[in-house]
């Protein structure tokens, strides 16, 4: 009788330890996702800080491109205060606007030759690469968390403890289209 009691206690302890292990793993994954989103935010903030410098450098040369500059300024505000999906959309719109600005800069040899413009273009290009990496890192962590939430037996524990799946950082449909290159 005493042996059976010890076996039952041992099984209960093992089950409790397993539940604690799954809970801790879910917490770790959730924190990784939050950290990954924070890394995207850091890069968006970096971009946010660089935008006024770029706009001021370009303004004098691109009087007729004011619409693009105004749009970039509007989207810049959303990068700081918007929700996750609003920030993602604003980020994609700014990326497209930068492509326009850099393409138009080709028509202005003095602007293109400006050291300040070159430096800003390199900084923004590097920042865009970091944003892309941060998005990939975020999506990798979201996938790992979502997998853990969906897999048995952690699904039971995740559901009981109200762990929610996270949304992937998605590309806008317009960015999936083939790029038209003209010379």
N, C-alpha and C. Protein backbone atom coordinates (compact mmCIF):
# COMPACT_ATOMS: atom_id res chain seq x y z
N UNK A 1 0.82 -1.19 0.00
CA UNK A 1 0.00 0.00 0.00
C UNK A 1 0.87 1.26 0.00
N UNK A 2 1.91 1.26 0.83
CA UNK A 2 2.79 2.42 0.93
C UNK A 2 3.53 2.63 -0.39
N UNK A 3 3.91 1.54 -1.05
CA UNK A 3 4.60 1.65 -2.34
C UNK A 3 3.69 2.27 -3.39
N UNK A 4 2.45 1.86 -3.43
CA UNK A 4 1.49 2.42 -4.39
C UNK A 4 1.29 3.91 -4.14
N UNK A 5 1.27 4.30 -2.88
CA UNK A 5 1.13 5.71 -2.54
C UNK A 5 2.32 6.52 -3.04
N UNK A 6 3.52 5.98 -2.87
CA UNK A 6 4.72 6.66 -3.35
C UNK A 6 4.74 6.74 -4.87
N UNK A 7 4.26 5.74 -5.54
CA UNK A 7 4.20 5.75 -7.00
C UNK A 7 3.22 6.83 -7.47
N UNK A 8 2.07 6.91 -6.82
CA UNK A 8 1.08 7.94 -7.17
C UNK A 8 1.65 9.33 -6.91
N UNK A 9 2.30 9.52 -5.77
CA UNK A 9 2.91 10.82 -5.45
C UNK A 9 3.99 11.16 -6.48
N UNK A 10 4.78 10.14 -6.85
CA UNK A 10 5.84 10.34 -7.86
C UNK A 10 5.25 10.76 -9.21
N UNK A 11 4.16 10.12 -9.62
CA UNK A 11 3.51 10.47 -10.89
C UNK A 11 2.94 11.88 -10.83
N UNK A 12 2.33 12.24 -9.71
CA UNK A 12 1.78 13.59 -9.54
C UNK A 12 2.91 14.63 -9.60
N UNK A 13 4.03 14.34 -8.95
CA UNK A 13 5.17 15.26 -8.98
C UNK A 13 5.71 15.40 -10.40
N UNK A 14 5.82 14.31 -11.13
CA UNK A 14 6.30 14.36 -12.51
C UNK A 14 5.36 15.17 -13.40
N UNK A 15 4.07 14.97 -13.24
CA UNK A 15 3.08 15.73 -14.02
C UNK A 15 3.19 17.22 -13.67
N UNK A 16 3.31 17.52 -12.39
CA UNK A 16 3.44 18.92 -11.97
C UNK A 16 4.71 19.55 -12.54
N UNK A 17 5.81 18.82 -12.51
CA UNK A 17 7.06 19.32 -13.08
C UNK A 17 6.94 19.55 -14.59
N UNK A 18 6.25 18.65 -15.25
CA UNK A 18 6.05 18.79 -16.70
C UNK A 18 5.21 20.04 -17.00
N UNK A 19 4.17 20.26 -16.23
CA UNK A 19 3.32 21.45 -16.40
C UNK A 19 4.14 22.71 -16.17
N UNK A 20 4.98 22.71 -15.14
CA UNK A 20 5.84 23.86 -14.86
C UNK A 20 6.81 24.08 -16.02
N UNK A 21 7.37 22.99 -16.55
CA UNK A 21 8.29 23.09 -17.69
C UNK A 21 7.59 23.71 -18.90
N UNK A 22 6.40 23.25 -19.22
CA UNK A 22 5.66 23.80 -20.37
C UNK A 22 5.30 25.26 -20.12
N UNK A 23 4.84 25.57 -18.92
CA UNK A 23 4.50 26.95 -18.59
C UNK A 23 5.71 27.87 -18.77
N UNK A 24 6.85 27.45 -18.22
CA UNK A 24 8.07 28.26 -18.34
C UNK A 24 8.50 28.42 -19.79
N UNK A 25 8.34 27.38 -20.58
CA UNK A 25 8.68 27.45 -22.01
C UNK A 25 7.77 28.45 -22.72
N UNK A 26 6.48 28.41 -22.42
CA UNK A 26 5.54 29.36 -23.02
C UNK A 26 5.87 30.80 -22.62
N UNK A 27 6.22 31.00 -21.38
CA UNK A 27 6.61 32.34 -20.91
C UNK A 27 7.86 32.80 -21.66
N UNK A 28 8.84 31.94 -21.80
CA UNK A 28 10.07 32.28 -22.52
C UNK A 28 9.76 32.66 -23.96
N UNK A 29 8.93 31.87 -24.62
CA UNK A 29 8.59 32.16 -26.00
C UNK A 29 7.81 33.46 -26.13
N UNK A 30 6.88 33.69 -25.23
CA UNK A 30 6.12 34.95 -25.27
C UNK A 30 7.04 36.14 -25.08
N UNK A 31 7.99 36.02 -24.16
CA UNK A 31 8.94 37.11 -23.92
C UNK A 31 9.86 37.33 -25.12
N UNK A 32 10.23 36.26 -25.80
CA UNK A 32 11.04 36.39 -27.02
C UNK A 32 10.29 37.15 -28.11
N UNK A 33 9.01 36.84 -28.24
CA UNK A 33 8.18 37.54 -29.24
C UNK A 33 8.08 39.02 -28.88
N UNK A 34 7.84 39.30 -27.61
CA UNK A 34 7.77 40.70 -27.17
C UNK A 34 9.10 41.41 -27.41
N UNK A 35 10.20 40.74 -27.11
CA UNK A 35 11.52 41.31 -27.34
C UNK A 35 11.76 41.54 -28.84
N UNK A 36 11.36 40.58 -29.65
CA UNK A 36 11.55 40.73 -31.10
C UNK A 36 10.76 41.92 -31.63
N UNK A 37 9.52 42.09 -31.11
CA UNK A 37 8.74 43.27 -31.54
C UNK A 37 9.43 44.55 -31.07
N UNK A 38 10.01 44.54 -29.89
CA UNK A 38 10.73 45.71 -29.39
C UNK A 38 11.92 46.04 -30.28
N UNK A 39 12.57 45.00 -30.81
CA UNK A 39 13.70 45.24 -31.72
C UNK A 39 13.23 45.92 -33.01
N UNK A 40 12.06 45.52 -33.49
CA UNK A 40 11.50 46.20 -34.67
C UNK A 40 11.22 47.65 -34.30
N UNK A 41 10.64 47.86 -33.13
CA UNK A 41 10.35 49.22 -32.67
C UNK A 41 11.63 50.07 -32.60
N UNK A 42 12.72 49.49 -32.12
CA UNK A 42 13.99 50.21 -32.03
C UNK A 42 14.42 50.68 -33.42
N UNK A 43 14.33 49.78 -34.38
CA UNK A 43 14.76 50.15 -35.74
C UNK A 43 13.80 51.16 -36.38
N UNK A 44 12.50 51.03 -36.08
CA UNK A 44 11.54 52.01 -36.59
C UNK A 44 11.82 53.38 -35.98
N UNK A 45 12.19 53.39 -34.71
CA UNK A 45 12.54 54.65 -34.05
C UNK A 45 13.79 55.25 -34.69
N UNK A 46 14.75 54.42 -34.99
CA UNK A 46 15.98 54.88 -35.66
C UNK A 46 15.62 55.51 -37.00
N UNK A 47 14.75 54.84 -37.74
CA UNK A 47 14.30 55.38 -39.02
C UNK A 47 13.56 56.69 -38.79
N UNK A 48 12.71 56.72 -37.79
CA UNK A 48 11.94 57.91 -37.43
C UNK A 48 12.87 59.10 -37.18
N UNK A 49 13.97 58.85 -36.49
CA UNK A 49 14.93 59.92 -36.19
C UNK A 49 15.69 60.37 -37.43
N UNK A 50 15.91 59.49 -38.39
CA UNK A 50 16.65 59.85 -39.60
C UNK A 50 15.80 60.59 -40.63
N UNK A 51 14.50 60.37 -40.60
CA UNK A 51 13.62 60.95 -41.63
C UNK A 51 13.71 62.46 -41.72
N UNK A 52 13.64 63.22 -40.61
CA UNK A 52 13.71 64.68 -40.75
C UNK A 52 14.99 65.15 -41.43
N UNK A 53 16.12 64.50 -41.12
CA UNK A 53 17.39 64.86 -41.76
C UNK A 53 17.33 64.63 -43.26
N UNK A 54 16.77 63.50 -43.65
CA UNK A 54 16.66 63.21 -45.08
C UNK A 54 15.75 64.21 -45.77
N UNK A 55 14.62 64.49 -45.15
CA UNK A 55 13.65 65.41 -45.76
C UNK A 55 14.26 66.80 -45.90
N UNK A 56 14.95 67.27 -44.87
CA UNK A 56 15.57 68.59 -44.95
C UNK A 56 16.65 68.65 -46.02
N UNK A 57 17.39 67.58 -46.18
CA UNK A 57 18.43 67.53 -47.20
C UNK A 57 17.82 67.55 -48.60
N UNK A 58 16.73 66.84 -48.76
CA UNK A 58 16.12 66.67 -50.07
C UNK A 58 15.20 67.83 -50.45
N UNK A 59 14.61 68.50 -49.47
CA UNK A 59 13.60 69.53 -49.71
C UNK A 59 13.98 70.54 -50.77
N UNK A 60 15.15 71.10 -50.64
CA UNK A 60 15.57 72.15 -51.56
C UNK A 60 15.65 71.69 -53.01
N UNK A 61 15.95 70.44 -53.22
CA UNK A 61 16.12 69.92 -54.57
C UNK A 61 14.82 69.43 -55.19
N UNK A 62 13.88 69.03 -54.36
CA UNK A 62 12.71 68.32 -54.87
C UNK A 62 11.42 69.07 -54.58
N UNK A 63 11.33 70.29 -55.01
CA UNK A 63 10.13 71.10 -54.75
C UNK A 63 8.87 70.42 -55.27
N UNK A 64 8.94 69.82 -56.46
CA UNK A 64 7.74 69.23 -57.05
C UNK A 64 7.40 67.86 -56.46
N UNK A 65 8.25 67.34 -55.59
CA UNK A 65 7.98 66.04 -54.96
C UNK A 65 7.45 66.21 -53.54
N UNK A 66 6.86 67.34 -53.25
CA UNK A 66 6.36 67.63 -51.90
C UNK A 66 5.36 66.58 -51.41
N UNK A 67 4.56 66.03 -52.31
CA UNK A 67 3.57 65.02 -51.91
C UNK A 67 4.24 63.83 -51.26
N UNK A 68 5.34 63.38 -51.81
CA UNK A 68 6.07 62.24 -51.24
C UNK A 68 6.62 62.61 -49.87
N UNK A 69 7.20 63.80 -49.77
CA UNK A 69 7.78 64.24 -48.51
C UNK A 69 6.71 64.40 -47.43
N UNK A 70 5.55 64.93 -47.83
CA UNK A 70 4.44 65.10 -46.88
C UNK A 70 3.94 63.74 -46.40
N UNK A 71 3.83 62.79 -47.30
CA UNK A 71 3.38 61.44 -46.94
C UNK A 71 4.35 60.77 -45.97
N UNK A 72 5.65 60.93 -46.22
CA UNK A 72 6.66 60.35 -45.34
C UNK A 72 6.52 60.96 -43.93
N UNK A 73 6.31 62.27 -43.87
CA UNK A 73 6.16 62.94 -42.58
C UNK A 73 4.93 62.43 -41.83
N UNK A 74 3.82 62.23 -42.54
CA UNK A 74 2.60 61.71 -41.91
C UNK A 74 2.82 60.30 -41.37
N UNK A 75 3.41 59.46 -42.19
CA UNK A 75 3.64 58.07 -41.78
C UNK A 75 4.64 57.99 -40.64
N UNK A 76 5.56 58.95 -40.57
CA UNK A 76 6.56 59.00 -39.51
C UNK A 76 5.86 59.07 -38.14
N UNK A 77 4.81 59.86 -38.05
CA UNK A 77 4.08 60.00 -36.79
C UNK A 77 3.45 58.67 -36.37
N UNK A 78 2.98 57.89 -37.32
CA UNK A 78 2.34 56.60 -37.02
C UNK A 78 3.36 55.60 -36.48
N UNK A 79 4.64 55.74 -36.90
CA UNK A 79 5.67 54.81 -36.42
C UNK A 79 5.82 54.84 -34.92
N UNK A 80 5.54 55.96 -34.30
CA UNK A 80 5.75 56.08 -32.86
C UNK A 80 4.47 55.78 -32.08
N UNK A 81 3.33 56.22 -32.59
CA UNK A 81 2.12 56.17 -31.78
C UNK A 81 1.11 55.11 -32.21
N UNK A 82 1.32 54.44 -33.32
CA UNK A 82 0.30 53.51 -33.82
C UNK A 82 0.36 52.14 -33.17
N UNK A 83 -0.66 51.34 -33.50
CA UNK A 83 -0.68 49.94 -33.05
C UNK A 83 0.31 49.14 -33.88
N UNK A 84 0.46 47.86 -33.54
CA UNK A 84 1.41 47.02 -34.26
C UNK A 84 1.08 46.97 -35.74
N UNK A 85 -0.18 46.77 -36.11
CA UNK A 85 -0.54 46.69 -37.52
C UNK A 85 -0.41 48.04 -38.20
N UNK A 86 -0.73 49.14 -37.49
CA UNK A 86 -0.56 50.47 -38.07
C UNK A 86 0.91 50.78 -38.31
N UNK A 87 1.76 50.37 -37.36
CA UNK A 87 3.20 50.58 -37.52
C UNK A 87 3.72 49.78 -38.71
N UNK A 88 3.24 48.56 -38.86
CA UNK A 88 3.67 47.73 -39.98
C UNK A 88 3.27 48.37 -41.31
N UNK A 89 2.06 48.86 -41.39
CA UNK A 89 1.58 49.50 -42.61
C UNK A 89 2.37 50.78 -42.90
N UNK A 90 2.57 51.59 -41.86
CA UNK A 90 3.33 52.84 -42.02
C UNK A 90 4.76 52.55 -42.45
N UNK A 91 5.34 51.51 -41.87
CA UNK A 91 6.70 51.13 -42.21
C UNK A 91 6.80 50.75 -43.68
N UNK A 92 5.84 49.98 -44.17
CA UNK A 92 5.84 49.58 -45.58
C UNK A 92 5.65 50.80 -46.49
N UNK A 93 4.78 51.73 -46.09
CA UNK A 93 4.55 52.91 -46.89
C UNK A 93 5.79 53.80 -46.94
N UNK A 94 6.49 53.92 -45.83
CA UNK A 94 7.72 54.71 -45.81
C UNK A 94 8.79 54.06 -46.67
N UNK A 95 8.89 52.75 -46.61
CA UNK A 95 9.85 52.05 -47.46
C UNK A 95 9.58 52.36 -48.92
N UNK A 96 8.32 52.32 -49.33
CA UNK A 96 7.97 52.65 -50.72
C UNK A 96 8.29 54.10 -51.05
N UNK A 97 8.03 55.02 -50.11
CA UNK A 97 8.32 56.43 -50.34
C UNK A 97 9.82 56.65 -50.48
N UNK A 98 10.63 55.94 -49.69
CA UNK A 98 12.08 56.07 -49.81
C UNK A 98 12.54 55.64 -51.20
N UNK A 99 11.95 54.59 -51.70
CA UNK A 99 12.31 54.14 -53.05
C UNK A 99 12.07 55.27 -54.05
N UNK A 100 10.93 55.95 -53.90
CA UNK A 100 10.61 57.08 -54.78
C UNK A 100 11.61 58.20 -54.62
N UNK A 101 11.92 58.55 -53.37
CA UNK A 101 12.86 59.64 -53.11
C UNK A 101 14.22 59.31 -53.72
N UNK A 102 14.70 58.10 -53.51
CA UNK A 102 16.01 57.74 -54.02
C UNK A 102 16.01 57.64 -55.55
N UNK A 103 14.90 57.23 -56.12
CA UNK A 103 14.80 57.19 -57.58
C UNK A 103 14.79 58.61 -58.15
N UNK A 104 14.04 59.51 -57.52
CA UNK A 104 13.98 60.89 -57.98
C UNK A 104 15.33 61.57 -57.80
N UNK A 105 16.07 61.20 -56.77
CA UNK A 105 17.38 61.79 -56.52
C UNK A 105 18.32 61.57 -57.69
N UNK A 106 18.09 60.54 -58.44
CA UNK A 106 18.91 60.28 -59.63
C UNK A 106 18.82 61.44 -60.62
N UNK A 107 17.69 62.16 -60.62
CA UNK A 107 17.50 63.28 -61.54
C UNK A 107 18.17 64.56 -61.05
N UNK A 108 18.73 64.55 -59.86
CA UNK A 108 19.35 65.74 -59.28
C UNK A 108 20.81 65.43 -58.96
N UNK A 109 21.70 65.68 -59.93
CA UNK A 109 23.11 65.33 -59.73
C UNK A 109 23.74 65.99 -58.50
N UNK A 110 23.36 67.23 -58.20
CA UNK A 110 23.94 67.91 -57.02
C UNK A 110 23.50 67.20 -55.74
N UNK A 111 22.23 66.82 -55.70
CA UNK A 111 21.72 66.11 -54.52
C UNK A 111 22.41 64.76 -54.39
N UNK A 112 22.49 64.06 -55.51
CA UNK A 112 23.10 62.74 -55.51
C UNK A 112 24.55 62.81 -55.06
N UNK A 113 25.25 63.92 -55.41
CA UNK A 113 26.65 64.07 -55.05
C UNK A 113 26.84 64.61 -53.64
N UNK A 114 25.79 65.11 -53.02
CA UNK A 114 25.89 65.68 -51.68
C UNK A 114 26.32 64.62 -50.68
N UNK A 115 27.37 64.93 -49.92
CA UNK A 115 27.87 64.00 -48.90
C UNK A 115 26.81 63.71 -47.85
N UNK A 116 26.07 64.75 -47.47
CA UNK A 116 25.02 64.58 -46.47
C UNK A 116 23.95 63.61 -46.96
N UNK A 117 23.54 63.77 -48.21
CA UNK A 117 22.54 62.88 -48.79
C UNK A 117 23.07 61.45 -48.88
N UNK A 118 24.31 61.31 -49.32
CA UNK A 118 24.91 59.97 -49.42
C UNK A 118 24.95 59.29 -48.05
N UNK A 119 25.36 60.06 -47.04
CA UNK A 119 25.45 59.50 -45.70
C UNK A 119 24.07 59.07 -45.19
N UNK A 120 23.07 59.94 -45.40
CA UNK A 120 21.71 59.61 -44.97
C UNK A 120 21.17 58.41 -45.73
N UNK A 121 21.46 58.36 -47.02
CA UNK A 121 20.99 57.24 -47.84
C UNK A 121 21.60 55.93 -47.32
N UNK A 122 22.88 55.97 -46.98
CA UNK A 122 23.53 54.77 -46.44
C UNK A 122 22.95 54.38 -45.08
N UNK A 123 22.73 55.39 -44.23
CA UNK A 123 22.14 55.13 -42.91
C UNK A 123 20.75 54.51 -43.05
N UNK A 124 19.95 55.08 -43.92
CA UNK A 124 18.59 54.56 -44.11
C UNK A 124 18.62 53.18 -44.74
N UNK A 125 19.53 52.98 -45.66
CA UNK A 125 19.65 51.66 -46.29
C UNK A 125 20.03 50.61 -45.23
N UNK A 126 20.98 50.96 -44.37
CA UNK A 126 21.37 50.05 -43.28
C UNK A 126 20.22 49.80 -42.32
N UNK A 127 19.48 50.86 -42.02
CA UNK A 127 18.33 50.74 -41.13
C UNK A 127 17.26 49.84 -41.74
N UNK A 128 17.03 50.00 -43.03
CA UNK A 128 16.04 49.15 -43.72
C UNK A 128 16.45 47.68 -43.62
N UNK A 129 17.74 47.41 -43.76
CA UNK A 129 18.22 46.03 -43.64
C UNK A 129 18.00 45.51 -42.22
N UNK A 130 18.25 46.37 -41.24
CA UNK A 130 18.05 45.96 -39.85
C UNK A 130 16.57 45.72 -39.56
N UNK A 131 15.71 46.55 -40.15
CA UNK A 131 14.27 46.36 -39.97
C UNK A 131 13.85 45.02 -40.58
N UNK A 132 14.36 44.72 -41.77
CA UNK A 132 14.03 43.44 -42.41
C UNK A 132 14.49 42.27 -41.55
N UNK A 133 15.70 42.36 -41.00
CA UNK A 133 16.19 41.30 -40.13
C UNK A 133 15.33 41.18 -38.88
N UNK A 134 14.98 42.32 -38.28
CA UNK A 134 14.17 42.32 -37.05
C UNK A 134 12.79 41.71 -37.32
N UNK A 135 12.23 41.99 -38.50
CA UNK A 135 10.93 41.40 -38.86
C UNK A 135 11.06 39.88 -38.98
N UNK A 136 12.13 39.43 -39.61
CA UNK A 136 12.35 38.00 -39.77
C UNK A 136 12.52 37.34 -38.40
N UNK A 137 13.30 37.97 -37.52
CA UNK A 137 13.52 37.45 -36.17
C UNK A 137 12.19 37.38 -35.42
N UNK A 138 11.38 38.42 -35.55
CA UNK A 138 10.06 38.45 -34.91
C UNK A 138 9.19 37.30 -35.42
N UNK A 139 9.12 37.15 -36.74
CA UNK A 139 8.29 36.09 -37.31
C UNK A 139 8.76 34.70 -36.91
N UNK A 140 10.08 34.51 -36.79
CA UNK A 140 10.61 33.22 -36.34
C UNK A 140 10.14 32.92 -34.92
N UNK A 141 10.18 33.93 -34.07
CA UNK A 141 9.75 33.75 -32.68
C UNK A 141 8.25 33.57 -32.58
N UNK A 142 7.49 34.27 -33.40
CA UNK A 142 6.03 34.09 -33.41
C UNK A 142 5.70 32.66 -33.84
N UNK A 143 6.41 32.18 -34.85
CA UNK A 143 6.16 30.81 -35.32
C UNK A 143 6.43 29.80 -34.20
N UNK A 144 7.53 29.99 -33.49
CA UNK A 144 7.87 29.06 -32.41
C UNK A 144 6.81 29.10 -31.30
N UNK A 145 6.39 30.31 -30.92
CA UNK A 145 5.36 30.44 -29.89
C UNK A 145 4.04 29.83 -30.36
N UNK A 146 3.62 30.17 -31.56
CA UNK A 146 2.36 29.63 -32.09
C UNK A 146 2.40 28.11 -32.19
N UNK A 147 3.53 27.57 -32.63
CA UNK A 147 3.66 26.10 -32.69
C UNK A 147 3.48 25.49 -31.30
N UNK A 148 4.11 26.08 -30.32
CA UNK A 148 4.03 25.54 -28.96
C UNK A 148 2.59 25.62 -28.44
N UNK A 149 1.91 26.73 -28.74
CA UNK A 149 0.53 26.90 -28.29
C UNK A 149 -0.39 25.90 -28.97
N UNK A 150 -0.08 25.51 -30.20
CA UNK A 150 -0.95 24.62 -30.97
C UNK A 150 -0.65 23.14 -30.74
N UNK A 151 0.52 22.79 -30.20
CA UNK A 151 0.91 21.40 -30.05
C UNK A 151 0.38 20.82 -28.74
N UNK A 152 0.05 19.53 -28.81
CA UNK A 152 -0.39 18.80 -27.64
C UNK A 152 0.83 18.33 -26.87
N UNK A 153 0.88 18.34 -25.61
CA UNK A 153 -0.09 18.69 -24.59
C UNK A 153 -0.01 20.17 -24.16
N UNK A 154 0.97 20.90 -24.70
CA UNK A 154 1.11 22.30 -24.27
C UNK A 154 -0.12 23.13 -24.67
N UNK A 155 -0.88 22.65 -25.66
CA UNK A 155 -2.10 23.35 -26.07
C UNK A 155 -3.09 23.44 -24.90
N UNK A 156 -3.18 22.38 -24.14
CA UNK A 156 -4.10 22.35 -22.99
C UNK A 156 -3.65 23.39 -21.95
N UNK A 157 -2.37 23.39 -21.67
CA UNK A 157 -1.85 24.32 -20.66
C UNK A 157 -1.94 25.76 -21.17
N UNK A 158 -1.60 25.98 -22.45
CA UNK A 158 -1.67 27.33 -23.02
C UNK A 158 -3.10 27.85 -23.02
N UNK A 159 -4.05 26.99 -23.35
CA UNK A 159 -5.46 27.39 -23.34
C UNK A 159 -5.95 27.70 -21.94
N UNK A 160 -5.55 26.89 -21.00
CA UNK A 160 -5.95 27.08 -19.61
C UNK A 160 -5.37 28.37 -19.04
N UNK A 161 -4.14 28.69 -19.43
CA UNK A 161 -3.45 29.87 -18.87
C UNK A 161 -3.58 31.09 -19.79
N UNK A 162 -4.45 31.01 -20.78
CA UNK A 162 -4.80 32.13 -21.66
C UNK A 162 -3.64 32.68 -22.48
N UNK A 163 -2.78 31.79 -22.98
CA UNK A 163 -1.76 32.20 -23.92
C UNK A 163 -2.40 32.32 -25.30
N UNK A 164 -2.14 33.40 -25.99
CA UNK A 164 -2.75 33.65 -27.30
C UNK A 164 -1.69 33.58 -28.40
N UNK A 165 -2.13 33.10 -29.56
CA UNK A 165 -1.24 33.10 -30.71
C UNK A 165 -1.00 34.54 -31.13
N UNK A 166 0.15 34.79 -31.72
CA UNK A 166 0.51 36.12 -32.18
C UNK A 166 0.42 36.18 -33.69
N UNK A 167 0.26 37.38 -34.18
CA UNK A 167 0.14 37.62 -35.61
C UNK A 167 1.53 37.83 -36.22
N UNK A 168 1.75 37.25 -37.39
CA UNK A 168 3.00 37.43 -38.11
C UNK A 168 3.07 38.83 -38.69
N UNK A 169 4.27 39.32 -38.86
CA UNK A 169 4.50 40.59 -39.54
C UNK A 169 4.44 40.27 -41.03
N UNK A 170 3.45 40.83 -41.70
CA UNK A 170 3.20 40.46 -43.10
C UNK A 170 3.60 41.58 -44.04
N UNK A 171 3.90 41.20 -45.26
CA UNK A 171 4.23 42.14 -46.31
C UNK A 171 2.95 42.59 -47.00
N UNK A 172 2.90 43.88 -47.32
CA UNK A 172 1.76 44.41 -48.06
C UNK A 172 1.71 43.76 -49.44
N UNK A 173 0.50 43.60 -49.96
CA UNK A 173 0.33 42.98 -51.28
C UNK A 173 1.09 43.73 -52.37
N UNK A 174 1.14 45.06 -52.27
CA UNK A 174 1.82 45.86 -53.29
C UNK A 174 3.31 45.54 -53.36
N UNK A 175 3.90 45.11 -52.25
CA UNK A 175 5.32 44.80 -52.23
C UNK A 175 5.62 43.40 -52.76
N UNK A 176 4.59 42.60 -52.99
CA UNK A 176 4.79 41.24 -53.52
C UNK A 176 4.85 41.22 -55.03
N UNK A 177 4.44 42.33 -55.65
CA UNK A 177 4.41 42.40 -57.10
C UNK A 177 5.84 42.50 -57.65
N UNK A 178 6.05 42.02 -58.87
CA UNK A 178 7.39 42.14 -59.46
C UNK A 178 7.80 43.60 -59.61
N UNK A 179 9.08 43.85 -59.40
CA UNK A 179 9.61 45.20 -59.52
C UNK A 179 9.93 45.46 -61.00
N UNK A 180 9.47 46.61 -61.47
CA UNK A 180 9.72 47.00 -62.86
C UNK A 180 10.98 47.85 -62.89
N UNK A 181 11.98 47.39 -63.61
CA UNK A 181 13.25 48.11 -63.71
C UNK A 181 13.37 48.67 -65.11
N UNK A 182 13.63 49.99 -65.15
CA UNK A 182 13.81 50.64 -66.45
C UNK A 182 15.16 51.33 -66.46
N UNK A 183 15.79 51.33 -67.62
CA UNK A 183 17.07 52.03 -67.79
C UNK A 183 16.92 53.12 -68.79
